[in-house]
Amino acid sequence: MSDPRPTGITADRTQSTLTITWSDGVTAVYPFALLRNACPCAECRGGHENMTPDPTPDMFQILIMDARATRLVDIQAVGNYAIVLVWEDGHQYGIYNWHYLRALWEGLQANEQATS
């Protein structure tokens, strides 16, 4: 399957993780801090010219943020291709499409292997 799609998305607010089960059988767990740090919106990326379709290495260097910035309030569907994450500090501008979320998880796996 060349384009896996989510078959299930759950948030665990006590563990601060988002879990996506993909159509190819992969279960990916994303820390909220990573998702917020990797927000794909123009505001977080520093303008449209800095937006990329894939995660960049700096996204895996988790920054210390106000706790409200990494408390997930809601997950909203965007058509059948993405989600928007709504954070307690009011930020809700990043559209996390399936390609981006899958690439983010693959980048997280590669980063963990490189640092272990």
PDB file of N, CA and C in Angstrom:
ATOM      1  N   MET A   1       0.861  -1.177   0.000  1.00  0.00           N
ATOM      2  CA  MET A   1       0.000   0.000   0.000  1.00  0.00           C
ATOM      3  C   MET A   1       0.903   1.236   0.000  1.00  0.00           C
ATOM      4  N   SER A   2       0.762   2.083  -0.978  1.00  0.00           N
ATOM      5  CA  SER A   2       1.650   3.226  -1.101  1.00  0.00           C
ATOM      6  C   SER A   2       1.214   4.431  -0.290  1.00  0.00           C
ATOM      7  N   ASP A   3      -0.023   4.525   0.052  1.00  0.00           N
ATOM      8  CA  ASP A   3      -0.528   5.694   0.759  1.00  0.00           C
ATOM      9  C   ASP A   3      -1.364   5.281   1.956  1.00  0.00           C
ATOM     10  N   PRO A   4      -0.715   4.897   3.075  1.00  0.00           N
ATOM     11  CA  PRO A   4      -1.521   4.467   4.224  1.00  0.00           C
ATOM     12  C   PRO A   4      -2.388   5.602   4.756  1.00  0.00           C
ATOM     13  N   ARG A   5      -3.529   5.217   5.275  1.00  0.00           N
ATOM     14  CA  ARG A   5      -4.479   6.180   5.844  1.00  0.00           C
ATOM     15  C   ARG A   5      -4.819   5.736   7.258  1.00  0.00           C
ATOM     16  N   PRO A   6      -5.154   6.677   8.126  1.00  0.00           N
ATOM     17  CA  PRO A   6      -5.534   6.290   9.480  1.00  0.00           C
ATOM     18  C   PRO A   6      -6.818   5.468   9.500  1.00  0.00           C
ATOM     19  N   THR A   7      -6.822   4.458  10.354  1.00  0.00           N
ATOM     20  CA  THR A   7      -8.050   3.699  10.599  1.00  0.00           C
ATOM     21  C   THR A   7      -8.569   3.989  12.004  1.00  0.00           C
ATOM     22  N   GLY A   8      -7.753   4.660  12.809  1.00  0.00           N
ATOM     23  CA  GLY A   8      -8.156   5.052  14.150  1.00  0.00           C
ATOM     24  C   GLY A   8      -7.220   6.104  14.711  1.00  0.00           C
ATOM     25  N   ILE A   9      -7.777   7.081  15.407  1.00  0.00           N
ATOM     26  CA  ILE A   9      -6.991   8.137  16.043  1.00  0.00           C
ATOM     27  C   ILE A   9      -7.533   8.313  17.457  1.00  0.00           C
ATOM     28  N   THR A  10      -6.636   8.207  18.443  1.00  0.00           N
ATOM     29  CA  THR A  10      -7.038   8.410  19.834  1.00  0.00           C
ATOM     30  C   THR A  10      -6.021   9.302  20.538  1.00  0.00           C
ATOM     31  N   ALA A  11      -6.518  10.078  21.478  1.00  0.00           N
ATOM     32  CA  ALA A  11      -5.648  10.933  22.289  1.00  0.00           C
ATOM     33  C   ALA A  11      -5.698  10.440  23.723  1.00  0.00           C
ATOM     34  N   ASP A  12      -4.529  10.346  24.339  1.00  0.00           N
ATOM     35  CA  ASP A  12      -4.430   9.995  25.754  1.00  0.00           C
ATOM     36  C   ASP A  12      -3.882  11.229  26.462  1.00  0.00           C
ATOM     37  N   ARG A  13      -4.773  11.977  27.086  1.00  0.00           N
ATOM     38  CA  ARG A  13      -4.366  13.230  27.720  1.00  0.00           C
ATOM     39  C   ARG A  13      -3.524  13.010  28.970  1.00  0.00           C
ATOM     40  N   THR A  14      -3.660  11.853  29.623  1.00  0.00           N
ATOM     41  CA  THR A  14      -2.832  11.595  30.804  1.00  0.00           C
ATOM     42  C   THR A  14      -1.392  11.266  30.408  1.00  0.00           C
ATOM     43  N   GLN A  15      -1.217  10.627  29.266  1.00  0.00           N
ATOM     44  CA  GLN A  15       0.123  10.297  28.763  1.00  0.00           C
ATOM     45  C   GLN A  15       0.651  11.353  27.792  1.00  0.00           C
ATOM     46  N   SER A  16      -0.201  12.304  27.425  1.00  0.00           N
ATOM     47  CA  SER A  16       0.152  13.357  26.452  1.00  0.00           C
ATOM     48  C   SER A  16       0.637  12.765  25.139  1.00  0.00           C
ATOM     49  N   THR A  17      -0.162  11.824  24.624  1.00  0.00           N
ATOM     50  CA  THR A  17       0.179  11.192  23.350  1.00  0.00           C
ATOM     51  C   THR A  17      -1.049  11.060  22.454  1.00  0.00           C
ATOM     52  N   LEU A  18      -0.789  11.092  21.163  1.00  0.00           N
ATOM     53  CA  LEU A  18      -1.799  10.836  20.143  1.00  0.00           C
ATOM     54  C   LEU A  18      -1.385   9.541  19.456  1.00  0.00           C
ATOM     55  N   THR A  19      -2.308   8.595  19.339  1.00  0.00           N
ATOM     56  CA  THR A  19      -2.006   7.326  18.690  1.00  0.00           C
ATOM     57  C   THR A  19      -2.822   7.220  17.414  1.00  0.00           C
ATOM     58  N   ILE A  20      -2.121   6.905  16.337  1.00  0.00           N
ATOM     59  CA  ILE A  20      -2.781   6.683  15.046  1.00  0.00           C
ATOM     60  C   ILE A  20      -2.495   5.260  14.610  1.00  0.00           C
ATOM     61  N   THR A  21      -3.565   4.531  14.307  1.00  0.00           N
ATOM     62  CA  THR A  21      -3.445   3.213  13.704  1.00  0.00           C
ATOM     63  C   THR A  21      -3.621   3.422  12.206  1.00  0.00           C
ATOM     64  N   TRP A  22      -2.631   2.955  11.439  1.00  0.00           N
ATOM     65  CA  TRP A  22      -2.626   3.158   9.990  1.00  0.00           C
ATOM     66  C   TRP A  22      -3.144   1.919   9.264  1.00  0.00           C
ATOM     67  N   SER A  23      -3.641   2.125   8.063  1.00  0.00           N
ATOM     68  CA  SER A  23      -4.234   1.049   7.261  1.00  0.00           C
ATOM     69  C   SER A  23      -3.247  -0.055   6.903  1.00  0.00           C
ATOM     70  N   ASP A  24      -1.939   0.209   7.004  1.00  0.00           N
ATOM     71  CA  ASP A  24      -0.948  -0.833   6.726  1.00  0.00           C
ATOM     72  C   ASP A  24      -0.537  -1.580   7.991  1.00  0.00           C
ATOM     73  N   GLY A  25      -1.262  -1.357   9.095  1.00  0.00           N
ATOM     74  CA  GLY A  25      -1.007  -2.081  10.328  1.00  0.00           C
ATOM     75  C   GLY A  25      -0.072  -1.396  11.313  1.00  0.00           C
ATOM     76  N   VAL A  26       0.543  -0.310  10.920  1.00  0.00           N
ATOM     77  CA  VAL A  26       1.446   0.422  11.807  1.00  0.00           C
ATOM     78  C   VAL A  26       0.632   1.181  12.851  1.00  0.00           C
ATOM     79  N   THR A  27       1.087   1.130  14.096  1.00  0.00           N
ATOM     80  CA  THR A  27       0.520   1.950  15.157  1.00  0.00           C
ATOM     81  C   THR A  27       1.587   2.954  15.557  1.00  0.00           C
ATOM     82  N   ALA A  28       1.297   4.223  15.370  1.00  0.00           N
ATOM     83  CA  ALA A  28       2.252   5.293  15.640  1.00  0.00           C
ATOM     84  C   ALA A  28       1.797   6.104  16.845  1.00  0.00           C
ATOM     85  N   VAL A  29       2.726   6.345  17.764  1.00  0.00           N
ATOM     86  CA  VAL A  29       2.439   7.128  18.959  1.00  0.00           C
ATOM     87  C   VAL A  29       3.241   8.415  18.883  1.00  0.00           C
ATOM     88  N   TYR A  30       2.528   9.541  18.963  1.00  0.00           N
ATOM     89  CA  TYR A  30       3.124  10.860  18.843  1.00  0.00           C
ATOM     90  C   TYR A  30       3.011  11.610  20.172  1.00  0.00           C
ATOM     91  N   PRO A  31       4.122  12.033  20.764  1.00  0.00           N
ATOM     92  CA  PRO A  31       4.024  12.888  21.947  1.00  0.00           C
ATOM     93  C   PRO A  31       3.392  14.227  21.569  1.00  0.00           C
ATOM     94  N   PHE A  32       2.523  14.742  22.439  1.00  0.00           N
ATOM     95  CA  PHE A  32       1.908  16.045  22.159  1.00  0.00           C
ATOM     96  C   PHE A  32       2.970  17.117  21.909  1.00  0.00           C
ATOM     97  N   ALA A  33       4.056  17.096  22.690  1.00  0.00           N
ATOM     98  CA  ALA A  33       5.100  18.112  22.535  1.00  0.00           C
ATOM     99  C   ALA A  33       5.690  18.086  21.124  1.00  0.00           C
ATOM    100  N   LEU A  34       5.868  16.889  20.567  1.00  0.00           N
ATOM    101  CA  LEU A  34       6.378  16.792  19.197  1.00  0.00           C
ATOM    102  C   LEU A  34       5.375  17.376  18.212  1.00  0.00           C
ATOM    103  N   LEU A  35       4.104  17.025  18.369  1.00  0.00           N
ATOM    104  CA  LEU A  35       3.086  17.534  17.449  1.00  0.00           C
ATOM    105  C   LEU A  35       3.022  19.058  17.485  1.00  0.00           C
ATOM    106  N   ARG A  36       3.103  19.623  18.669  1.00  0.00           N
ATOM    107  CA  ARG A  36       3.059  21.089  18.760  1.00  0.00           C
ATOM    108  C   ARG A  36       4.325  21.708  18.171  1.00  0.00           C
ATOM    109  N   ASN A  37       5.474  21.113  18.466  1.00  0.00           N
ATOM    110  CA  ASN A  37       6.737  21.617  17.939  1.00  0.00           C
ATOM    111  C   ASN A  37       6.791  21.518  16.416  1.00  0.00           C
ATOM    112  N   ALA A  38       6.118  20.513  15.868  1.00  0.00           N
ATOM    113  CA  ALA A  38       6.122  20.280  14.420  1.00  0.00           C
ATOM    114  C   ALA A  38       4.886  20.857  13.739  1.00  0.00           C
ATOM    115  N   CYS A  39       4.192  21.766  14.414  1.00  0.00           N
ATOM    116  CA  CYS A  39       2.986  22.349  13.825  1.00  0.00           C
ATOM    117  C   CYS A  39       3.301  22.875  12.426  1.00  0.00           C
ATOM    118  N   PRO A  40       2.531  22.460  11.431  1.00  0.00           N
ATOM    119  CA  PRO A  40       2.835  22.842  10.052  1.00  0.00           C
ATOM    120  C   PRO A  40       2.281  24.202   9.616  1.00  0.00           C
ATOM    121  N   CYS A  41       1.725  24.994  10.521  1.00  0.00           N
ATOM    122  CA  CYS A  41       1.122  26.261  10.090  1.00  0.00           C
ATOM    123  C   CYS A  41       2.182  27.306   9.751  1.00  0.00           C
ATOM    124  N   ALA A  42       1.784  28.308   8.997  1.00  0.00           N
ATOM    125  CA  ALA A  42       2.701  29.373   8.572  1.00  0.00           C
ATOM    126  C   ALA A  42       3.240  30.151   9.769  1.00  0.00           C
ATOM    127  N   GLU A  43       2.408  30.359  10.786  1.00  0.00           N
ATOM    128  CA  GLU A  43       2.856  31.087  11.976  1.00  0.00           C
ATOM    129  C   GLU A  43       4.010  30.353  12.668  1.00  0.00           C
ATOM    130  N   CYS A  44       3.883  29.064  12.842  1.00  0.00           N
ATOM    131  CA  CYS A  44       4.916  28.277  13.528  1.00  0.00           C
ATOM    132  C   CYS A  44       6.152  28.052  12.663  1.00  0.00           C
ATOM    133  N   ARG A  45       5.968  27.954  11.354  1.00  0.00           N
ATOM    134  CA  ARG A  45       7.099  27.709  10.456  1.00  0.00           C
ATOM    135  C   ARG A  45       7.817  28.999  10.075  1.00  0.00           C
ATOM    136  N   GLY A  46       7.266  30.142  10.447  1.00  0.00           N
ATOM    137  CA  GLY A  46       7.931  31.403  10.139  1.00  0.00           C
ATOM    138  C   GLY A  46       7.569  31.954   8.778  1.00  0.00           C
ATOM    139  N   GLY A  47       6.385  31.649   8.305  1.00  0.00           N
ATOM    140  CA  GLY A  47       5.916  32.164   7.015  1.00  0.00           C
ATOM    141  C   GLY A  47       5.769  31.061   5.987  1.00  0.00           C
ATOM    142  N   HIS A  48       5.005  31.350   4.960  1.00  0.00           N
ATOM    143  CA  HIS A  48       4.731  30.353   3.923  1.00  0.00           C
ATOM    144  C   HIS A  48       5.989  29.871   3.215  1.00  0.00           C
ATOM    145  N   GLU A  49       6.985  30.729   3.072  1.00  0.00           N
ATOM    146  CA  GLU A  49       8.206  30.333   2.365  1.00  0.00           C
ATOM    147  C   GLU A  49       8.983  29.254   3.124  1.00  0.00           C
ATOM    148  N   ASN A  50       8.713  29.073   4.413  1.00  0.00           N
ATOM    149  CA  ASN A  50       9.418  28.069   5.212  1.00  0.00           C
ATOM    150  C   ASN A  50       8.611  26.796   5.427  1.00  0.00           C
ATOM    151  N   MET A  51       7.423  26.741   4.858  1.00  0.00           N
ATOM    152  CA  MET A  51       6.588  25.555   5.021  1.00  0.00           C
ATOM    153  C   MET A  51       7.058  24.467   4.055  1.00  0.00           C
ATOM    154  N   THR A  52       7.150  23.232   4.560  1.00  0.00           N
ATOM    155  CA  THR A  52       7.583  22.105   3.742  1.00  0.00           C
ATOM    156  C   THR A  52       6.558  20.979   3.875  1.00  0.00           C
ATOM    157  N   PRO A  53       6.475  20.110   2.881  1.00  0.00           N
ATOM    158  CA  PRO A  53       5.510  19.014   2.981  1.00  0.00           C
ATOM    159  C   PRO A  53       5.963  17.911   3.931  1.00  0.00           C
ATOM    160  N   ASP A  54       7.212  17.948   4.360  1.00  0.00           N
ATOM    161  CA  ASP A  54       7.745  16.915   5.245  1.00  0.00           C
ATOM    162  C   ASP A  54       8.377  17.552   6.475  1.00  0.00           C
ATOM    163  N   PRO A  55       8.480  16.796   7.561  1.00  0.00           N
ATOM    164  CA  PRO A  55       9.127  17.306   8.768  1.00  0.00           C
ATOM    165  C   PRO A  55      10.596  17.625   8.508  1.00  0.00           C
ATOM    166  N   THR A  56      11.123  18.568   9.260  1.00  0.00           N
ATOM    167  CA  THR A  56      12.534  18.922   9.177  1.00  0.00           C
ATOM    168  C   THR A  56      13.235  18.448  10.448  1.00  0.00           C
ATOM    169  N   PRO A  57      14.545  18.210  10.414  1.00  0.00           N
ATOM    170  CA  PRO A  57      15.249  17.671  11.588  1.00  0.00           C
ATOM    171  C   PRO A  57      15.068  18.500  12.864  1.00  0.00           C
ATOM    172  N   ASP A  58      14.938  19.811  12.749  1.00  0.00           N
ATOM    173  CA  ASP A  58      14.790  20.641  13.949  1.00  0.00           C
ATOM    174  C   ASP A  58      13.490  20.369  14.697  1.00  0.00           C
ATOM    175  N   MET A  59      12.520  19.774  14.058  1.00  0.00           N
ATOM    176  CA  MET A  59      11.242  19.491  14.715  1.00  0.00           C
ATOM    177  C   MET A  59      11.371  18.441  15.813  1.00  0.00           C
ATOM    178  N   PHE A  60      12.436  17.660  15.763  1.00  0.00           N
ATOM    179  CA  PHE A  60      12.622  16.602  16.753  1.00  0.00           C
ATOM    180  C   PHE A  60      13.410  17.077  17.969  1.00  0.00           C
ATOM    181  N   GLN A  61      13.873  18.323  17.934  1.00  0.00           N
ATOM    182  CA  GLN A  61      14.505  18.935  19.092  1.00  0.00           C
ATOM    183  C   GLN A  61      13.398  19.649  19.855  1.00  0.00           C
ATOM    184  N   ILE A  62      12.828  18.978  20.826  1.00  0.00           N
ATOM    185  CA  ILE A  62      11.660  19.493  21.529  1.00  0.00           C
ATOM    186  C   ILE A  62      12.040  20.709  22.366  1.00  0.00           C
ATOM    187  N   LEU A  63      11.305  21.767  22.159  1.00  0.00           N
ATOM    188  CA  LEU A  63      11.515  23.002  22.898  1.00  0.00           C
ATOM    189  C   LEU A  63      10.693  22.982  24.178  1.00  0.00           C
ATOM    190  N   ILE A  64      11.165  23.693  25.175  1.00  0.00           N
ATOM    191  CA  ILE A  64      10.383  23.843  26.397  1.00  0.00           C
ATOM    192  C   ILE A  64       9.343  24.918  26.131  1.00  0.00           C
ATOM    193  N   MET A  65       8.078  24.557  26.327  1.00  0.00           N
ATOM    194  CA  MET A  65       6.975  25.471  26.044  1.00  0.00           C
ATOM    195  C   MET A  65       6.110  25.614  27.287  1.00  0.00           C
ATOM    196  N   ASP A  66       5.304  26.631  27.278  1.00  0.00           N
ATOM    197  CA  ASP A  66       4.271  26.777  28.301  1.00  0.00           C
ATOM    198  C   ASP A  66       3.432  25.502  28.276  1.00  0.00           C
ATOM    199  N   ALA A  67       3.088  24.978  29.434  1.00  0.00           N
ATOM    200  CA  ALA A  67       2.332  23.723  29.512  1.00  0.00           C
ATOM    201  C   ALA A  67       1.034  23.781  28.720  1.00  0.00           C
ATOM    202  N   ARG A  68       0.390  24.953  28.671  1.00  0.00           N
ATOM    203  CA  ARG A  68      -0.867  25.067  27.929  1.00  0.00           C
ATOM    204  C   ARG A  68      -0.661  24.845  26.434  1.00  0.00           C
ATOM    205  N   ALA A  69       0.538  25.074  25.946  1.00  0.00           N
ATOM    206  CA  ALA A  69       0.826  24.908  24.522  1.00  0.00           C
ATOM    207  C   ALA A  69       0.815  23.451  24.099  1.00  0.00           C
ATOM    208  N   THR A  70       0.982  22.538  25.060  1.00  0.00           N
ATOM    209  CA  THR A  70       1.017  21.120  24.712  1.00  0.00           C
ATOM    210  C   THR A  70      -0.121  20.326  25.347  1.00  0.00           C
ATOM    211  N   ARG A  71      -1.141  21.024  25.806  1.00  0.00           N
ATOM    212  CA  ARG A  71      -2.349  20.335  26.296  1.00  0.00           C
ATOM    213  C   ARG A  71      -3.384  20.331  25.184  1.00  0.00           C
ATOM    214  N   LEU A  72      -3.708  19.160  24.723  1.00  0.00           N
ATOM    215  CA  LEU A  72      -4.652  19.015  23.619  1.00  0.00           C
ATOM    216  C   LEU A  72      -6.082  19.179  24.116  1.00  0.00           C
ATOM    217  N   VAL A  73      -6.841  20.044  23.436  1.00  0.00           N
ATOM    218  CA  VAL A  73      -8.238  20.299  23.787  1.00  0.00           C
ATOM    219  C   VAL A  73      -9.178  19.537  22.858  1.00  0.00           C
ATOM    220  N   ASP A  74      -8.828  19.478  21.567  1.00  0.00           N
ATOM    221  CA  ASP A  74      -9.744  18.878  20.599  1.00  0.00           C
ATOM    222  C   ASP A  74      -8.972  18.433  19.364  1.00  0.00           C
ATOM    223  N   ILE A  75      -9.557  17.480  18.660  1.00  0.00           N
ATOM    224  CA  ILE A  75      -9.066  17.034  17.355  1.00  0.00           C
ATOM    225  C   ILE A  75     -10.226  17.217  16.390  1.00  0.00           C
ATOM    226  N   GLN A  76      -9.986  17.935  15.304  1.00  0.00           N
ATOM    227  CA  GLN A  76     -11.043  18.203  14.335  1.00  0.00           C
ATOM    228  C   GLN A  76     -10.646  17.636  12.976  1.00  0.00           C
ATOM    229  N   ALA A  77     -11.582  16.955  12.344  1.00  0.00           N
ATOM    230  CA  ALA A  77     -11.335  16.424  11.009  1.00  0.00           C
ATOM    231  C   ALA A  77     -11.343  17.551   9.990  1.00  0.00           C
ATOM    232  N   VAL A  78     -10.465  17.426   8.998  1.00  0.00           N
ATOM    233  CA  VAL A  78     -10.440  18.337   7.856  1.00  0.00           C
ATOM    234  C   VAL A  78     -10.683  17.455   6.636  1.00  0.00           C
ATOM    235  N   GLY A  79     -11.907  17.466   6.173  1.00  0.00           N
ATOM    236  CA  GLY A  79     -12.269  16.585   5.059  1.00  0.00           C
ATOM    237  C   GLY A  79     -11.906  15.157   5.394  1.00  0.00           C
ATOM    238  N   ASN A  80     -11.380  14.444   4.421  1.00  0.00           N
ATOM    239  CA  ASN A  80     -10.930  13.078   4.660  1.00  0.00           C
ATOM    240  C   ASN A  80      -9.425  12.956   4.457  1.00  0.00           C
ATOM    241  N   TYR A  81      -8.702  14.077   4.662  1.00  0.00           N
ATOM    242  CA  TYR A  81      -7.269  14.061   4.395  1.00  0.00           C
ATOM    243  C   TYR A  81      -6.397  14.590   5.526  1.00  0.00           C
ATOM    244  N   ALA A  82      -6.993  15.095   6.615  1.00  0.00           N
ATOM    245  CA  ALA A  82      -6.169  15.725   7.641  1.00  0.00           C
ATOM    246  C   ALA A  82      -6.948  15.936   8.936  1.00  0.00           C
ATOM    247  N   ILE A  83      -6.207  16.384   9.962  1.00  0.00           N
ATOM    248  CA  ILE A  83      -6.806  16.814  11.223  1.00  0.00           C
ATOM    249  C   ILE A  83      -6.201  18.153  11.632  1.00  0.00           C
ATOM    250  N   VAL A  84      -6.930  18.869  12.455  1.00  0.00           N
ATOM    251  CA  VAL A  84      -6.433  20.070  13.122  1.00  0.00           C
ATOM    252  C   VAL A  84      -6.421  19.748  14.607  1.00  0.00           C
ATOM    253  N   LEU A  85      -5.316  20.086  15.258  1.00  0.00           N
ATOM    254  CA  LEU A  85      -5.202  19.898  16.692  1.00  0.00           C
ATOM    255  C   LEU A  85      -5.423  21.242  17.360  1.00  0.00           C
ATOM    256  N   VAL A  86      -6.310  21.266  18.341  1.00  0.00           N
ATOM    257  CA  VAL A  86      -6.619  22.493  19.066  1.00  0.00           C
ATOM    258  C   VAL A  86      -5.939  22.388  20.428  1.00  0.00           C
ATOM    259  N   TRP A  87      -5.080  23.367  20.715  1.00  0.00           N
ATOM    260  CA  TRP A  87      -4.302  23.362  21.956  1.00  0.00           C
ATOM    261  C   TRP A  87      -4.919  24.309  22.978  1.00  0.00           C
ATOM    262  N   GLU A  88      -4.645  24.048  24.241  1.00  0.00           N
ATOM    263  CA  GLU A  88      -5.243  24.832  25.323  1.00  0.00           C
ATOM    264  C   GLU A  88      -4.900  26.316  25.244  1.00  0.00           C
ATOM    265  N   ASP A  89      -3.749  26.658  24.683  1.00  0.00           N
ATOM    266  CA  ASP A  89      -3.384  28.074  24.576  1.00  0.00           C
ATOM    267  C   ASP A  89      -4.091  28.772  23.412  1.00  0.00           C
ATOM    268  N   GLY A  90      -4.989  28.053  22.724  1.00  0.00           N
ATOM    269  CA  GLY A  90      -5.777  28.641  21.646  1.00  0.00           C
ATOM    270  C   GLY A  90      -5.239  28.387  20.258  1.00  0.00           C
ATOM    271  N   HIS A  91      -4.039  27.866  20.145  1.00  0.00           N
ATOM    272  CA  HIS A  91      -3.451  27.622  18.822  1.00  0.00           C
ATOM    273  C   HIS A  91      -4.199  26.483  18.132  1.00  0.00           C
ATOM    274  N   GLN A  92      -4.611  26.734  16.869  1.00  0.00           N
ATOM    275  CA  GLN A  92      -5.373  25.721  16.113  1.00  0.00           C
ATOM    276  C   GLN A  92      -5.251  25.946  14.616  1.00  0.00           C
ATOM    277  N   TYR A  93      -4.064  26.300  14.177  1.00  0.00           N
ATOM    278  CA  TYR A  93      -3.902  26.694  12.774  1.00  0.00           C
ATOM    279  C   TYR A  93      -3.229  25.650  11.900  1.00  0.00           C
ATOM    280  N   GLY A  94      -2.582  24.658  12.506  1.00  0.00           N
ATOM    281  CA  GLY A  94      -1.878  23.662  11.712  1.00  0.00           C
ATOM    282  C   GLY A  94      -2.808  22.594  11.177  1.00  0.00           C
ATOM    283  N   ILE A  95      -2.718  22.346   9.898  1.00  0.00           N
ATOM    284  CA  ILE A  95      -3.468  21.254   9.279  1.00  0.00           C
ATOM    285  C   ILE A  95      -2.473  20.109   9.066  1.00  0.00           C
ATOM    286  N   TYR A  96      -2.658  19.054   9.838  1.00  0.00           N
ATOM    287  CA  TYR A  96      -1.768  17.892   9.807  1.00  0.00           C
ATOM    288  C   TYR A  96      -2.371  16.879   8.838  1.00  0.00           C
ATOM    289  N   ASN A  97      -1.884  16.849   7.594  1.00  0.00           N
ATOM    290  CA  ASN A  97      -2.444  15.892   6.641  1.00  0.00           C
ATOM    291  C   ASN A  97      -1.827  14.509   6.872  1.00  0.00           C
ATOM    292  N   TRP A  98      -2.417  13.496   6.272  1.00  0.00           N
ATOM    293  CA  TRP A  98      -1.982  12.121   6.525  1.00  0.00           C
ATOM    294  C   TRP A  98      -0.528  11.928   6.118  1.00  0.00           C
ATOM    295  N   HIS A  99      -0.140  12.460   4.971  1.00  0.00           N
ATOM    296  CA  HIS A  99       1.252  12.330   4.521  1.00  0.00           C
ATOM    297  C   HIS A  99       2.201  12.918   5.559  1.00  0.00           C
ATOM    298  N   TYR A 100       1.885  14.109   6.045  1.00  0.00           N
ATOM    299  CA  TYR A 100       2.739  14.791   7.009  1.00  0.00           C
ATOM    300  C   TYR A 100       2.837  14.003   8.315  1.00  0.00           C
ATOM    301  N   LEU A 101       1.701  13.509   8.820  1.00  0.00           N
ATOM    302  CA  LEU A 101       1.718  12.742  10.066  1.00  0.00           C
ATOM    303  C   LEU A 101       2.519  11.454   9.917  1.00  0.00           C
ATOM    304  N   ARG A 102       2.374  10.788   8.799  1.00  0.00           N
ATOM    305  CA  ARG A 102       3.136   9.548   8.595  1.00  0.00           C
ATOM    306  C   ARG A 102       4.626   9.865   8.484  1.00  0.00           C
ATOM    307  N   ALA A 103       4.978  10.904   7.745  1.00  0.00           N
ATOM    308  CA  ALA A 103       6.388  11.295   7.626  1.00  0.00           C
ATOM    309  C   ALA A 103       6.949  11.730   8.975  1.00  0.00           C
ATOM    310  N   LEU A 104       6.131  12.383   9.780  1.00  0.00           N
ATOM    311  CA  LEU A 104       6.565  12.798  11.111  1.00  0.00           C
ATOM    312  C   LEU A 104       6.870  11.572  11.970  1.00  0.00           C
ATOM    313  N   TRP A 105       6.032  10.567  11.913  1.00  0.00           N
ATOM    314  CA  TRP A 105       6.279   9.349  12.681  1.00  0.00           C
ATOM    315  C   TRP A 105       7.543   8.642  12.192  1.00  0.00           C
ATOM    316  N   GLU A 106       7.725   8.556  10.877  1.00  0.00           N
ATOM    317  CA  GLU A 106       8.923   7.916  10.340  1.00  0.00           C
ATOM    318  C   GLU A 106      10.178   8.687  10.749  1.00  0.00           C
ATOM    319  N   GLY A 107      10.085  10.021  10.755  1.00  0.00           N
ATOM    320  CA  GLY A 107      11.197  10.843  11.215  1.00  0.00           C
ATOM    321  C   GLY A 107      11.478  10.624  12.690  1.00  0.00           C
ATOM    322  N   LEU A 108      10.434  10.486  13.480  1.00  0.00           N
ATOM    323  CA  LEU A 108      10.595  10.232  14.915  1.00  0.00           C
ATOM    324  C   LEU A 108      11.313   8.911  15.132  1.00  0.00           C
ATOM    325  N   GLN A 109      10.926   7.887  14.376  1.00  0.00           N
ATOM    326  CA  GLN A 109      11.585   6.570  14.491  1.00  0.00           C
ATOM    327  C   GLN A 109      13.065   6.676  14.125  1.00  0.00           C
ATOM    328  N   ALA A 110      13.373   7.355  13.039  1.00  0.00           N
ATOM    329  CA  ALA A 110      14.766   7.511  12.607  1.00  0.00           C
ATOM    330  C   ALA A 110      15.561   8.314  13.643  1.00  0.00           C
ATOM    331  N   ASN A 111      14.964   9.349  14.207  1.00  0.00           N
ATOM    332  CA  ASN A 111      15.640  10.177  15.210  1.00  0.00           C
ATOM    333  C   ASN A 111      15.926   9.356  16.464  1.00  0.00           C
ATOM    334  N   GLU A 112      14.971   8.533  16.887  1.00  0.00           N
ATOM    335  CA  GLU A 112      15.173   7.701  18.073  1.00  0.00           C
ATOM    336  C   GLU A 112      16.275   6.674  17.846  1.00  0.00           C
ATOM    337  N   GLN A 113      16.348   6.109  16.648  1.00  0.00           N
ATOM    338  CA  GLN A 113      17.399   5.136  16.338  1.00  0.00           C
ATOM    339  C   GLN A 113      18.774   5.814  16.305  1.00  0.00           C
ATOM    340  N   ALA A 114      18.817   7.029  15.772  1.00  0.00           N
ATOM    341  CA  ALA A 114      20.097   7.754  15.675  1.00  0.00           C
ATOM    342  C   ALA A 114      20.627   8.183  17.031  1.00  0.00           C
ATOM    343  N   THR A 115      19.713   8.420  17.989  1.00  0.00           N
ATOM    344  CA  THR A 115      20.155   8.899  19.290  1.00  0.00           C
ATOM    345  C   THR A 115      20.293   7.785  20.331  1.00  0.00           C
ATOM    346  N   SER A 116      20.005   6.545  19.935  1.00  0.00           N
ATOM    347  CA  SER A 116      20.128   5.454  20.919  1.00  0.00           C
ATOM    348  C   SER A 116      21.361   4.611  20.655  1.00  0.00           C
TER     349      SER A 116
END
